[in-house]
Amino acid sequence: MLFLVKLFPEITIKTRTVRWRLIRQLRKNIRSVLSEFDPAVSAVGEWDNLEIQTSTDDPAIIAQISESLTCTPGIAKFMQVDKYPRTDLDAMLGLALEYYREKLVGKTFAVRCKRKGKHTFKSTDVERHVGAGLNAQTEAAGVRLKDPDITVLIEVRDDFVFMVRDQRSGMGGFPLGCQDSVLSLISGGFDSSVSSYLCIKRGLQT
């Protein structure tokens, strides 16, 4: 299974040197946490996202990995994706039909595309072409751009297309270990535990 991890936005506004250091720390943390479930897991990526590749598609293990990623500081959101070589808009429509034909029966939908790199088309071109094709070739209830029943998510990055199976939010913040260590004293109330959580979220070894 392949996961596409989006960095916490505050990481992306740091200087180049700091940004690289934070990303390296996040990769290290992800490999450390997920190796418990999959010793062969890999985390690669240098700038604006990370690709996490597991050696298993076991639903139980994938569920554990997903739950761990939601609790890993530094991650804004992550997606379970399938990666394909990019060809043309018709090929993207074909993939969307394969993934969503049955899911769209009787449902309203909207297509959302994010794109990175140089292409002969825009993100809106993908959304219009795929949306029109799905509307015509499935039993969907129609297109609804605001609050649709199903959102068809497509990412185009350079020469690859990512079809999104599922998307979840992370806890945000900075990668754990990128800043100094602190000691937290836990009392009987909830203030100290909340403040400890907020310290962890800011990358402090607590």
Foldseek 3Di string as FASTA:
>chain_A
DKKKFFWFVVLQPDDLVSSQVLVVLLQVVLQVVLCVLAVPWHWDDGHGIIMIDGPDPPVVSVVVSLVVQQAFAGTFKMFDWDKDFDDDLVVVLVVCCVQCQVVQAAWEEFEFEAEADDDPDDRVVSRVSNQVSSQVPHNHPYYDPPPTPYYFYWYYYHGMIIGTPDMDGHPYATGAPSDEEDDFDDDPDCPRVVVVSVCVNNRYND
